[in-house]
PDB file of N, CA and C in Angstrom:
ATOM      1  N   MET A   1     -24.296   3.598   4.501  1.00  0.00           N
ATOM      2  CA  MET A   1     -24.184   4.316   5.759  1.00  0.00           C
ATOM      3  C   MET A   1     -24.045   5.793   5.455  1.00  0.00           C
ATOM      4  N   TYR A   2     -24.340   6.592   6.437  1.00  0.00           N
ATOM      5  CA  TYR A   2     -24.245   8.049   6.323  1.00  0.00           C
ATOM      6  C   TYR A   2     -23.369   8.570   7.461  1.00  0.00           C
ATOM      7  N   ILE A   3     -22.592   9.586   7.164  1.00  0.00           N
ATOM      8  CA  ILE A   3     -21.745  10.196   8.188  1.00  0.00           C
ATOM      9  C   ILE A   3     -22.030  11.690   8.191  1.00  0.00           C
ATOM     10  N   ARG A   4     -22.478  12.173   9.341  1.00  0.00           N
ATOM     11  CA  ARG A   4     -22.720  13.610   9.499  1.00  0.00           C
ATOM     12  C   ARG A   4     -21.511  14.209  10.206  1.00  0.00           C
ATOM     13  N   CYS A   5     -20.939  15.224   9.584  1.00  0.00           N
ATOM     14  CA  CYS A   5     -19.726  15.838  10.114  1.00  0.00           C
ATOM     15  C   CYS A   5     -19.965  17.288  10.493  1.00  0.00           C
ATOM     16  N   ALA A   6     -19.324  17.696  11.560  1.00  0.00           N
ATOM     17  CA  ALA A   6     -19.243  19.107  11.945  1.00  0.00           C
ATOM     18  C   ALA A   6     -17.786  19.504  11.773  1.00  0.00           C
ATOM     19  N   PHE A   7     -17.540  20.447  10.883  1.00  0.00           N
ATOM     20  CA  PHE A   7     -16.188  20.922  10.607  1.00  0.00           C
ATOM     21  C   PHE A   7     -15.953  22.218  11.369  1.00  0.00           C
ATOM     22  N   PHE A   8     -14.943  22.219  12.228  1.00  0.00           N
ATOM     23  CA  PHE A   8     -14.545  23.408  12.969  1.00  0.00           C
ATOM     24  C   PHE A   8     -13.377  24.025  12.206  1.00  0.00           C
ATOM     25  N   HIS A   9     -13.699  24.914  11.276  1.00  0.00           N
ATOM     26  CA  HIS A   9     -12.713  25.560  10.405  1.00  0.00           C
ATOM     27  C   HIS A   9     -12.158  26.765  11.155  1.00  0.00           C
ATOM     28  N   GLY A  10     -10.937  26.643  11.625  1.00  0.00           N
ATOM     29  CA  GLY A  10     -10.309  27.693  12.421  1.00  0.00           C
ATOM     30  C   GLY A  10      -9.382  27.066  13.445  1.00  0.00           C
ATOM     31  N   ARG A  11      -9.184  27.775  14.536  1.00  0.00           N
ATOM     32  CA  ARG A  11      -8.252  27.292  15.566  1.00  0.00           C
ATOM     33  C   ARG A  11      -8.774  27.627  16.961  1.00  0.00           C
ATOM     34  N   ALA A  12      -8.342  26.817  17.914  1.00  0.00           N
ATOM     35  CA  ALA A  12      -8.578  27.183  19.311  1.00  0.00           C
ATOM     36  C   ALA A  12      -7.862  28.499  19.560  1.00  0.00           C
ATOM     37  N   LYS A  13      -8.424  29.317  20.421  1.00  0.00           N
ATOM     38  CA  LYS A  13      -7.776  30.594  20.735  1.00  0.00           C
ATOM     39  C   LYS A  13      -6.407  30.325  21.352  1.00  0.00           C
ATOM     40  N   PRO A  14      -5.432  31.192  21.083  1.00  0.00           N
ATOM     41  CA  PRO A  14      -4.094  31.000  21.646  1.00  0.00           C
ATOM     42  C   PRO A  14      -4.153  30.822  23.166  1.00  0.00           C
ATOM     43  N   GLY A  15      -3.475  29.798  23.633  1.00  0.00           N
ATOM     44  CA  GLY A  15      -3.458  29.496  25.056  1.00  0.00           C
ATOM     45  C   GLY A  15      -4.655  28.691  25.528  1.00  0.00           C
ATOM     46  N   GLN A  16      -5.617  28.440  24.638  1.00  0.00           N
ATOM     47  CA  GLN A  16      -6.840  27.710  25.010  1.00  0.00           C
ATOM     48  C   GLN A  16      -6.902  26.311  24.387  1.00  0.00           C
ATOM     49  N   GLU A  17      -5.822  25.866  23.793  1.00  0.00           N
ATOM     50  CA  GLU A  17      -5.826  24.587  23.091  1.00  0.00           C
ATOM     51  C   GLU A  17      -6.189  23.422  24.012  1.00  0.00           C
ATOM     52  N   GLN A  18      -5.566  23.355  25.182  1.00  0.00           N
ATOM     53  CA  GLN A  18      -5.862  22.250  26.096  1.00  0.00           C
ATOM     54  C   GLN A  18      -7.264  22.385  26.669  1.00  0.00           C
ATOM     55  N   ALA A  19      -7.695  23.597  26.959  1.00  0.00           N
ATOM     56  CA  ALA A  19      -9.057  23.819  27.459  1.00  0.00           C
ATOM     57  C   ALA A  19     -10.080  23.385  26.414  1.00  0.00           C
ATOM     58  N   PHE A  20      -9.798  23.652  25.143  1.00  0.00           N
ATOM     59  CA  PHE A  20     -10.671  23.223  24.051  1.00  0.00           C
ATOM     60  C   PHE A  20     -10.776  21.698  24.048  1.00  0.00           C
ATOM     61  N   THR A  21      -9.625  21.031  24.082  1.00  0.00           N
ATOM     62  CA  THR A  21      -9.600  19.564  24.083  1.00  0.00           C
ATOM     63  C   THR A  21     -10.349  19.002  25.282  1.00  0.00           C
ATOM     64  N   ASP A  22     -10.082  19.531  26.458  1.00  0.00           N
ATOM     65  CA  ASP A  22     -10.736  19.046  27.676  1.00  0.00           C
ATOM     66  C   ASP A  22     -12.242  19.261  27.624  1.00  0.00           C
ATOM     67  N   TYR A  23     -12.667  20.410  27.128  1.00  0.00           N
ATOM     68  CA  TYR A  23     -14.094  20.725  27.035  1.00  0.00           C
ATOM     69  C   TYR A  23     -14.803  19.718  26.136  1.00  0.00           C
ATOM     70  N   VAL A  24     -14.187  19.420  24.993  1.00  0.00           N
ATOM     71  CA  VAL A  24     -14.774  18.450  24.075  1.00  0.00           C
ATOM     72  C   VAL A  24     -14.907  17.100  24.763  1.00  0.00           C
ATOM     73  N   ARG A  25     -13.823  16.624  25.360  1.00  0.00           N
ATOM     74  CA  ARG A  25     -13.822  15.286  25.976  1.00  0.00           C
ATOM     75  C   ARG A  25     -14.760  15.191  27.176  1.00  0.00           C
ATOM     76  N   GLU A  26     -14.771  16.209  28.003  1.00  0.00           N
ATOM     77  CA  GLU A  26     -15.519  16.137  29.259  1.00  0.00           C
ATOM     78  C   GLU A  26     -16.979  16.545  29.138  1.00  0.00           C
ATOM     79  N   ARG A  27     -17.271  17.500  28.264  1.00  0.00           N
ATOM     80  CA  ARG A  27     -18.626  18.053  28.207  1.00  0.00           C
ATOM     81  C   ARG A  27     -19.421  17.594  26.982  1.00  0.00           C
ATOM     82  N   LEU A  28     -18.747  17.449  25.835  1.00  0.00           N
ATOM     83  CA  LEU A  28     -19.488  17.177  24.600  1.00  0.00           C
ATOM     84  C   LEU A  28     -19.510  15.711  24.194  1.00  0.00           C
ATOM     85  N   VAL A  29     -18.398  15.012  24.292  1.00  0.00           N
ATOM     86  CA  VAL A  29     -18.388  13.604  23.906  1.00  0.00           C
ATOM     87  C   VAL A  29     -19.456  12.806  24.660  1.00  0.00           C
ATOM     88  N   PRO A  30     -19.647  13.021  25.958  1.00  0.00           N
ATOM     89  CA  PRO A  30     -20.710  12.272  26.641  1.00  0.00           C
ATOM     90  C   PRO A  30     -22.103  12.519  26.051  1.00  0.00           C
ATOM     91  N   LEU A  31     -22.332  13.695  25.493  1.00  0.00           N
ATOM     92  CA  LEU A  31     -23.614  13.982  24.845  1.00  0.00           C
ATOM     93  C   LEU A  31     -23.662  13.377  23.445  1.00  0.00           C
ATOM     94  N   TRP A  32     -22.615  13.585  22.669  1.00  0.00           N
ATOM     95  CA  TRP A  32     -22.604  13.085  21.293  1.00  0.00           C
ATOM     96  C   TRP A  32     -22.770  11.578  21.238  1.00  0.00           C
ATOM     97  N   THR A  33     -22.226  10.864  22.208  1.00  0.00           N
ATOM     98  CA  THR A  33     -22.338   9.400  22.210  1.00  0.00           C
ATOM     99  C   THR A  33     -23.727   8.929  22.624  1.00  0.00           C
ATOM    100  N   GLN A  34     -24.599   9.848  22.976  1.00  0.00           N
ATOM    101  CA  GLN A  34     -25.991   9.505  23.301  1.00  0.00           C
ATOM    102  C   GLN A  34     -26.954   9.810  22.152  1.00  0.00           C
ATOM    103  N   PHE A  35     -26.478  10.350  21.041  1.00  0.00           N
ATOM    104  CA  PHE A  35     -27.375  10.665  19.927  1.00  0.00           C
ATOM    105  C   PHE A  35     -28.104   9.397  19.495  1.00  0.00           C
ATOM    106  N   PRO A  36     -29.433   9.439  19.438  1.00  0.00           N
ATOM    107  CA  PRO A  36     -30.168   8.243  19.028  1.00  0.00           C
ATOM    108  C   PRO A  36     -29.822   7.852  17.598  1.00  0.00           C
ATOM    109  N   GLY A  37     -29.613   6.562  17.399  1.00  0.00           N
ATOM    110  CA  GLY A  37     -29.311   6.049  16.070  1.00  0.00           C
ATOM    111  C   GLY A  37     -27.841   6.100  15.688  1.00  0.00           C
ATOM    112  N   ALA A  38     -27.029   6.809  16.464  1.00  0.00           N
ATOM    113  CA  ALA A  38     -25.601   6.890  16.140  1.00  0.00           C
ATOM    114  C   ALA A  38     -24.956   5.524  16.313  1.00  0.00           C
ATOM    115  N   GLN A  39     -24.124   5.161  15.358  1.00  0.00           N
ATOM    116  CA  GLN A  39     -23.419   3.885  15.413  1.00  0.00           C
ATOM    117  C   GLN A  39     -21.950   4.049  15.782  1.00  0.00           C
ATOM    118  N   GLU A  40     -21.432   5.250  15.576  1.00  0.00           N
ATOM    119  CA  GLU A  40     -20.031   5.525  15.889  1.00  0.00           C
ATOM    120  C   GLU A  40     -19.855   7.031  15.983  1.00  0.00           C
ATOM    121  N   VAL A  41     -19.037   7.452  16.945  1.00  0.00           N
ATOM    122  CA  VAL A  41     -18.694   8.863  17.093  1.00  0.00           C
ATOM    123  C   VAL A  41     -17.180   8.965  17.050  1.00  0.00           C
ATOM    124  N   ARG A  42     -16.681   9.805  16.139  1.00  0.00           N
ATOM    125  CA  ARG A  42     -15.243  10.043  16.043  1.00  0.00           C
ATOM    126  C   ARG A  42     -14.987  11.536  16.159  1.00  0.00           C
ATOM    127  N   VAL A  43     -13.990  11.873  16.935  1.00  0.00           N
ATOM    128  CA  VAL A  43     -13.533  13.252  17.040  1.00  0.00           C
ATOM    129  C   VAL A  43     -12.146  13.281  16.401  1.00  0.00           C
ATOM    130  N   LEU A  44     -12.039  13.996  15.291  1.00  0.00           N
ATOM    131  CA  LEU A  44     -10.788  14.076  14.541  1.00  0.00           C
ATOM    132  C   LEU A  44     -10.115  15.402  14.839  1.00  0.00           C
ATOM    133  N   ARG A  45      -8.825  15.349  15.111  1.00  0.00           N
ATOM    134  CA  ARG A  45      -8.040  16.562  15.376  1.00  0.00           C
ATOM    135  C   ARG A  45      -6.927  16.623  14.353  1.00  0.00           C
ATOM    136  N   GLN A  46      -6.835  17.735  13.657  1.00  0.00           N
ATOM    137  CA  GLN A  46      -5.834  17.884  12.601  1.00  0.00           C
ATOM    138  C   GLN A  46      -4.433  17.938  13.203  1.00  0.00           C
ATOM    139  N   VAL A  47      -3.571  17.064  12.721  1.00  0.00           N
ATOM    140  CA  VAL A  47      -2.189  16.986  13.177  1.00  0.00           C
ATOM    141  C   VAL A  47      -1.250  17.612  12.154  1.00  0.00           C
ATOM    142  N   GLU A  48      -1.543  17.370  10.883  1.00  0.00           N
ATOM    143  CA  GLU A  48      -0.730  17.949   9.824  1.00  0.00           C
ATOM    144  C   GLU A  48      -1.580  18.018   8.569  1.00  0.00           C
ATOM    145  N   ALA A  49      -1.128  18.832   7.622  1.00  0.00           N
ATOM    146  CA  ALA A  49      -1.810  18.973   6.341  1.00  0.00           C
ATOM    147  C   ALA A  49      -0.797  19.420   5.304  1.00  0.00           C
ATOM    148  N   ASP A  50      -1.134  19.199   4.048  1.00  0.00           N
ATOM    149  CA  ASP A  50      -0.215  19.626   2.986  1.00  0.00           C
ATOM    150  C   ASP A  50      -0.499  21.049   2.519  1.00  0.00           C
ATOM    151  N   VAL A  51      -1.428  21.723   3.189  1.00  0.00           N
ATOM    152  CA  VAL A  51      -1.728  23.131   2.929  1.00  0.00           C
ATOM    153  C   VAL A  51      -1.886  23.845   4.268  1.00  0.00           C
ATOM    154  N   ALA A  52      -1.613  25.127   4.285  1.00  0.00           N
ATOM    155  CA  ALA A  52      -1.754  25.902   5.530  1.00  0.00           C
ATOM    156  C   ALA A  52      -3.215  26.209   5.829  1.00  0.00           C
ATOM    157  N   ASP A  53      -4.004  26.365   4.776  1.00  0.00           N
ATOM    158  CA  ASP A  53      -5.419  26.677   4.967  1.00  0.00           C
ATOM    159  C   ASP A  53      -6.215  25.866   3.959  1.00  0.00           C
ATOM    160  N   PRO A  54      -7.279  25.231   4.342  1.00  0.00           N
ATOM    161  CA  PRO A  54      -7.954  25.438   5.614  1.00  0.00           C
ATOM    162  C   PRO A  54      -7.338  24.602   6.730  1.00  0.00           C
ATOM    163  N   HIS A  55      -7.466  25.115   7.947  1.00  0.00           N
ATOM    164  CA  HIS A  55      -7.105  24.370   9.146  1.00  0.00           C
ATOM    165  C   HIS A  55      -8.404  24.006   9.851  1.00  0.00           C
ATOM    166  N   TYR A  56      -8.525  22.746  10.221  1.00  0.00           N
ATOM    167  CA  TYR A  56      -9.682  22.282  10.980  1.00  0.00           C
ATOM    168  C   TYR A  56      -9.215  21.896  12.373  1.00  0.00           C
ATOM    169  N   GLU A  57      -9.618  22.681  13.349  1.00  0.00           N
ATOM    170  CA  GLU A  57      -9.263  22.371  14.742  1.00  0.00           C
ATOM    171  C   GLU A  57      -9.837  21.021  15.138  1.00  0.00           C
ATOM    172  N   MET A  58     -11.044  20.742  14.592  1.00  0.00           N
ATOM    173  CA  MET A  58     -11.704  19.494  14.936  1.00  0.00           C
ATOM    174  C   MET A  58     -12.732  19.182  13.861  1.00  0.00           C
ATOM    175  N   VAL A  59     -12.940  17.889  13.652  1.00  0.00           N
ATOM    176  CA  VAL A  59     -14.060  17.421  12.849  1.00  0.00           C
ATOM    177  C   VAL A  59     -14.764  16.356  13.679  1.00  0.00           C
ATOM    178  N   LEU A  60     -16.051  16.563  13.897  1.00  0.00           N
ATOM    179  CA  LEU A  60     -16.886  15.557  14.553  1.00  0.00           C
ATOM    180  C   LEU A  60     -17.536  14.744  13.451  1.00  0.00           C
ATOM    181  N   ALA A  61     -17.365  13.425  13.481  1.00  0.00           N
ATOM    182  CA  ALA A  61     -17.960  12.539  12.481  1.00  0.00           C
ATOM    183  C   ALA A  61     -18.813  11.501  13.209  1.00  0.00           C
ATOM    184  N   VAL A  62     -20.107  11.506  12.915  1.00  0.00           N
ATOM    185  CA  VAL A  62     -21.036  10.567  13.543  1.00  0.00           C
ATOM    186  C   VAL A  62     -21.650   9.702  12.446  1.00  0.00           C
ATOM    187  N   ARG A  63     -21.504   8.387  12.601  1.00  0.00           N
ATOM    188  CA  ARG A  63     -22.011   7.437  11.607  1.00  0.00           C
ATOM    189  C   ARG A  63     -23.420   6.996  11.973  1.00  0.00           C
ATOM    190  N   TYR A  64     -24.276   6.978  10.960  1.00  0.00           N
ATOM    191  CA  TYR A  64     -25.669   6.558  11.100  1.00  0.00           C
ATOM    192  C   TYR A  64     -25.996   5.554   9.994  1.00  0.00           C
ATOM    193  N   PRO A  65     -26.995   4.698  10.211  1.00  0.00           N
ATOM    194  CA  PRO A  65     -27.341   3.728   9.171  1.00  0.00           C
ATOM    195  C   PRO A  65     -28.062   4.349   7.984  1.00  0.00           C
ATOM    196  N   ASP A  66     -28.797   5.456   8.223  1.00  0.00           N
ATOM    197  CA  ASP A  66     -29.580   6.053   7.148  1.00  0.00           C
ATOM    198  C   ASP A  66     -29.960   7.493   7.508  1.00  0.00           C
ATOM    199  N   GLN A  67     -30.550   8.180   6.553  1.00  0.00           N
ATOM    200  CA  GLN A  67     -30.939   9.569   6.757  1.00  0.00           C
ATOM    201  C   GLN A  67     -32.008   9.702   7.834  1.00  0.00           C
ATOM    202  N   ALA A  68     -32.889   8.718   7.933  1.00  0.00           N
ATOM    203  CA  ALA A  68     -33.943   8.767   8.954  1.00  0.00           C
ATOM    204  C   ALA A  68     -33.341   8.790  10.357  1.00  0.00           C
ATOM    205  N   ALA A  69     -32.265   8.063  10.563  1.00  0.00           N
ATOM    206  CA  ALA A  69     -31.597   8.064  11.870  1.00  0.00           C
ATOM    207  C   ALA A  69     -30.984   9.432  12.151  1.00  0.00           C
ATOM    208  N   ILE A  70     -30.421  10.068  11.135  1.00  0.00           N
ATOM    209  CA  ILE A  70     -29.877  11.420  11.303  1.00  0.00           C
ATOM    210  C   ILE A  70     -31.000  12.370  11.695  1.00  0.00           C
ATOM    211  N   ASP A  71     -32.109  12.274  11.010  1.00  0.00           N
ATOM    212  CA  ASP A  71     -33.241  13.154  11.298  1.00  0.00           C
ATOM    213  C   ASP A  71     -33.718  12.986  12.741  1.00  0.00           C
ATOM    214  N   ARG A  72     -33.774  11.736  13.213  1.00  0.00           N
ATOM    215  CA  ARG A  72     -34.176  11.488  14.617  1.00  0.00           C
ATOM    216  C   ARG A  72     -33.165  12.098  15.581  1.00  0.00           C
ATOM    217  N   ALA A  73     -31.894  11.940  15.283  1.00  0.00           N
ATOM    218  CA  ALA A  73     -30.856  12.492  16.156  1.00  0.00           C
ATOM    219  C   ALA A  73     -30.946  14.011  16.210  1.00  0.00           C
ATOM    220  N   LEU A  74     -31.158  14.634  15.059  1.00  0.00           N
ATOM    221  CA  LEU A  74     -31.225  16.096  15.014  1.00  0.00           C
ATOM    222  C   LEU A  74     -32.440  16.643  15.761  1.00  0.00           C
ATOM    223  N   ALA A  75     -33.481  15.845  15.861  1.00  0.00           N
ATOM    224  CA  ALA A  75     -34.693  16.274  16.557  1.00  0.00           C
ATOM    225  C   ALA A  75     -34.693  15.894  18.038  1.00  0.00           C
ATOM    226  N   SER A  76     -33.645  15.251  18.495  1.00  0.00           N
ATOM    227  CA  SER A  76     -33.626  14.712  19.856  1.00  0.00           C
ATOM    228  C   SER A  76     -33.276  15.767  20.901  1.00  0.00           C
ATOM    229  N   PRO A  77     -33.747  15.555  22.125  1.00  0.00           N
ATOM    230  CA  PRO A  77     -33.394  16.461  23.220  1.00  0.00           C
ATOM    231  C   PRO A  77     -31.886  16.506  23.505  1.00  0.00           C
ATOM    232  N   VAL A  78     -31.197  15.374  23.346  1.00  0.00           N
ATOM    233  CA  VAL A  78     -29.758  15.370  23.632  1.00  0.00           C
ATOM    234  C   VAL A  78     -29.001  16.208  22.608  1.00  0.00           C
ATOM    235  N   ARG A  79     -29.474  16.252  21.370  1.00  0.00           N
ATOM    236  CA  ARG A  79     -28.832  17.109  20.380  1.00  0.00           C
ATOM    237  C   ARG A  79     -29.057  18.572  20.749  1.00  0.00           C
ATOM    238  N   ALA A  80     -30.264  18.920  21.190  1.00  0.00           N
ATOM    239  CA  ALA A  80     -30.534  20.301  21.612  1.00  0.00           C
ATOM    240  C   ALA A  80     -29.631  20.676  22.785  1.00  0.00           C
ATOM    241  N   GLU A  81     -29.447  19.751  23.716  1.00  0.00           N
ATOM    242  CA  GLU A  81     -28.556  20.005  24.851  1.00  0.00           C
ATOM    243  C   GLU A  81     -27.119  20.190  24.375  1.00  0.00           C
ATOM    244  N   SER A  82     -26.682  19.379  23.422  1.00  0.00           N
ATOM    245  CA  SER A  82     -25.303  19.493  22.939  1.00  0.00           C
ATOM    246  C   SER A  82     -25.079  20.832  22.230  1.00  0.00           C
ATOM    247  N   ARG A  83     -26.089  21.330  21.546  1.00  0.00           N
ATOM    248  CA  ARG A  83     -25.949  22.639  20.900  1.00  0.00           C
ATOM    249  C   ARG A  83     -25.770  23.731  21.947  1.00  0.00           C
ATOM    250  N   GLU A  84     -26.489  23.620  23.043  1.00  0.00           N
ATOM    251  CA  GLU A  84     -26.358  24.607  24.123  1.00  0.00           C
ATOM    252  C   GLU A  84     -24.961  24.527  24.748  1.00  0.00           C
ATOM    253  N   VAL A  85     -24.486  23.319  25.014  1.00  0.00           N
ATOM    254  CA  VAL A  85     -23.170  23.130  25.621  1.00  0.00           C
ATOM    255  C   VAL A  85     -22.067  23.582  24.655  1.00  0.00           C
ATOM    256  N   THR A  86     -22.287  23.427  23.368  1.00  0.00           N
ATOM    257  CA  THR A  86     -21.301  23.845  22.369  1.00  0.00           C
ATOM    258  C   THR A  86     -21.031  25.344  22.442  1.00  0.00           C
ATOM    259  N   ARG A  87     -21.981  26.115  22.899  1.00  0.00           N
ATOM    260  CA  ARG A  87     -21.759  27.564  23.029  1.00  0.00           C
ATOM    261  C   ARG A  87     -20.547  27.867  23.902  1.00  0.00           C
ATOM    262  N   GLY A  88     -20.353  27.088  24.954  1.00  0.00           N
ATOM    263  CA  GLY A  88     -19.178  27.268  25.808  1.00  0.00           C
ATOM    264  C   GLY A  88     -17.891  26.945  25.074  1.00  0.00           C
ATOM    265  N   LEU A  89     -17.928  25.940  24.203  1.00  0.00           N
ATOM    266  CA  LEU A  89     -16.748  25.590  23.420  1.00  0.00           C
ATOM    267  C   LEU A  89     -16.373  26.725  22.476  1.00  0.00           C
ATOM    268  N   LEU A  90     -17.364  27.365  21.912  1.00  0.00           N
ATOM    269  CA  LEU A  90     -17.101  28.426  20.938  1.00  0.00           C
ATOM    270  C   LEU A  90     -16.414  29.635  21.568  1.00  0.00           C
ATOM    271  N   GLU A  91     -16.500  29.771  22.891  1.00  0.00           N
ATOM    272  CA  GLU A  91     -15.776  30.838  23.584  1.00  0.00           C
ATOM    273  C   GLU A  91     -14.267  30.586  23.574  1.00  0.00           C
ATOM    274  N   LEU A  92     -13.868  29.341  23.323  1.00  0.00           N
ATOM    275  CA  LEU A  92     -12.457  28.949  23.295  1.00  0.00           C
ATOM    276  C   LEU A  92     -11.918  28.866  21.871  1.00  0.00           C
ATOM    277  N   TYR A  93     -12.676  29.320  20.893  1.00  0.00           N
ATOM    278  CA  TYR A  93     -12.427  29.009  19.493  1.00  0.00           C
ATOM    279  C   TYR A  93     -12.609  30.230  18.608  1.00  0.00           C
ATOM    280  N   ASP A  94     -11.709  30.371  17.628  1.00  0.00           N
ATOM    281  CA  ASP A  94     -11.829  31.394  16.591  1.00  0.00           C
ATOM    282  C   ASP A  94     -12.029  30.687  15.258  1.00  0.00           C
ATOM    283  N   GLY A  95     -13.202  30.852  14.675  1.00  0.00           N
ATOM    284  CA  GLY A  95     -13.452  30.228  13.383  1.00  0.00           C
ATOM    285  C   GLY A  95     -14.928  30.031  13.152  1.00  0.00           C
ATOM    286  N   THR A  96     -15.221  29.192  12.187  1.00  0.00           N
ATOM    287  CA  THR A  96     -16.598  28.882  11.846  1.00  0.00           C
ATOM    288  C   THR A  96     -16.841  27.392  12.004  1.00  0.00           C
ATOM    289  N   VAL A  97     -18.107  27.038  12.057  1.00  0.00           N
ATOM    290  CA  VAL A  97     -18.504  25.638  12.145  1.00  0.00           C
ATOM    291  C   VAL A  97     -19.570  25.404  11.086  1.00  0.00           C
ATOM    292  N   PHE A  98     -19.411  24.332  10.336  1.00  0.00           N
ATOM    293  CA  PHE A  98     -20.465  23.953   9.400  1.00  0.00           C
ATOM    294  C   PHE A  98     -20.631  22.445   9.411  1.00  0.00           C
ATOM    295  N   HIS A  99     -21.797  22.002   8.987  1.00  0.00           N
ATOM    296  CA  HIS A  99     -22.132  20.582   8.989  1.00  0.00           C
ATOM    297  C   HIS A  99     -22.379  20.106   7.566  1.00  0.00           C
ATOM    298  N   THR A 100     -22.071  18.849   7.327  1.00  0.00           N
ATOM    299  CA  THR A 100     -22.385  18.218   6.056  1.00  0.00           C
ATOM    300  C   THR A 100     -22.632  16.738   6.300  1.00  0.00           C
ATOM    301  N   VAL A 101     -23.370  16.133   5.396  1.00  0.00           N
ATOM    302  CA  VAL A 101     -23.667  14.703   5.482  1.00  0.00           C
ATOM    303  C   VAL A 101     -23.068  14.028   4.256  1.00  0.00           C
ATOM    304  N   PHE A 102     -22.353  12.941   4.501  1.00  0.00           N
ATOM    305  CA  PHE A 102     -21.773  12.139   3.431  1.00  0.00           C
ATOM    306  C   PHE A 102     -22.467  10.785   3.382  1.00  0.00           C
ATOM    307  N   LYS A 103     -22.738  10.296   2.190  1.00  0.00           N
ATOM    308  CA  LYS A 103     -23.109   8.901   2.029  1.00  0.00           C
ATOM    309  C   LYS A 103     -21.792   8.171   1.861  1.00  0.00           C
ATOM    310  N   ALA A 104     -21.573   7.152   2.651  1.00  0.00           N
ATOM    311  CA  ALA A 104     -20.269   6.481   2.666  1.00  0.00           C
ATOM    312  C   ALA A 104     -20.418   5.022   2.266  1.00  0.00           C
ATOM    313  N   ASP A 105     -19.533   4.577   1.414  1.00  0.00           N
ATOM    314  CA  ASP A 105     -19.413   3.170   1.051  1.00  0.00           C
ATOM    315  C   ASP A 105     -18.153   2.652   1.718  1.00  0.00           C
ATOM    316  N   GLU A 106     -18.222   1.457   2.238  1.00  0.00           N
ATOM    317  CA  GLU A 106     -17.081   0.881   2.938  1.00  0.00           C
ATOM    318  C   GLU A 106     -16.603  -0.347   2.149  1.00  0.00           C
ATOM    319  N   TYR A 107     -15.282  -0.491   2.020  1.00  0.00           N
ATOM    320  CA  TYR A 107     -14.703  -1.576   1.260  1.00  0.00           C
ATOM    321  C   TYR A 107     -13.693  -2.323   2.117  1.00  0.00           C
ATOM    322  N   PRO A 108     -13.721  -3.655   2.069  1.00  0.00           N
ATOM    323  CA  PRO A 108     -12.720  -4.403   2.848  1.00  0.00           C
ATOM    324  C   PRO A 108     -11.337  -4.209   2.249  1.00  0.00           C
ATOM    325  N   LEU A 109     -10.338  -4.262   3.100  1.00  0.00           N
ATOM    326  CA  LEU A 109      -8.957  -4.136   2.660  1.00  0.00           C
ATOM    327  C   LEU A 109      -8.508  -5.396   1.943  1.00  0.00           C
ATOM    328  N   ALA A 110      -7.644  -5.222   0.965  1.00  0.00           N
ATOM    329  CA  ALA A 110      -7.073  -6.360   0.266  1.00  0.00           C
ATOM    330  C   ALA A 110      -6.319  -7.219   1.264  1.00  0.00           C
ATOM    331  N   GLY A 111      -6.422  -8.514   1.142  1.00  0.00           N
ATOM    332  CA  GLY A 111      -5.714  -9.406   2.061  1.00  0.00           C
ATOM    333  C   GLY A 111      -6.457  -9.619   3.370  1.00  0.00           C
ATOM    334  N   GLY A 112      -7.655  -9.062   3.505  1.00  0.00           N
ATOM    335  CA  GLY A 112      -8.473  -9.301   4.682  1.00  0.00           C
ATOM    336  C   GLY A 112      -7.989  -8.615   5.944  1.00  0.00           C
ATOM    337  N   ALA A 113      -7.046  -7.688   5.836  1.00  0.00           N
ATOM    338  CA  ALA A 113      -6.507  -7.014   7.014  1.00  0.00           C
ATOM    339  C   ALA A 113      -7.510  -6.031   7.594  1.00  0.00           C
TER     340      ALA A 113
END
């Protein structure tokens, strides 16, 4: 499996934390969950870390079966729409955004849990 992540390295602007969260949930998640080929969409919010920097306000992680599915999603109209809508989110945010793709292996937990 492959996981494409968008790392939001930085922080929501002071006083805009809830607006940032609401914008993601109301405007972007409905688009991200429509990406063709996506098998799972996770929005990760940093709660704590053992270092002060880097801070990630959010990490978007979308699971795909293969690179071809990622390529289809990136070329899709819904992805283009999500990029446009993301511009509004960036008005609530101080930092940078970058993307990376991970090849992921999954292992069952010991004891079948």
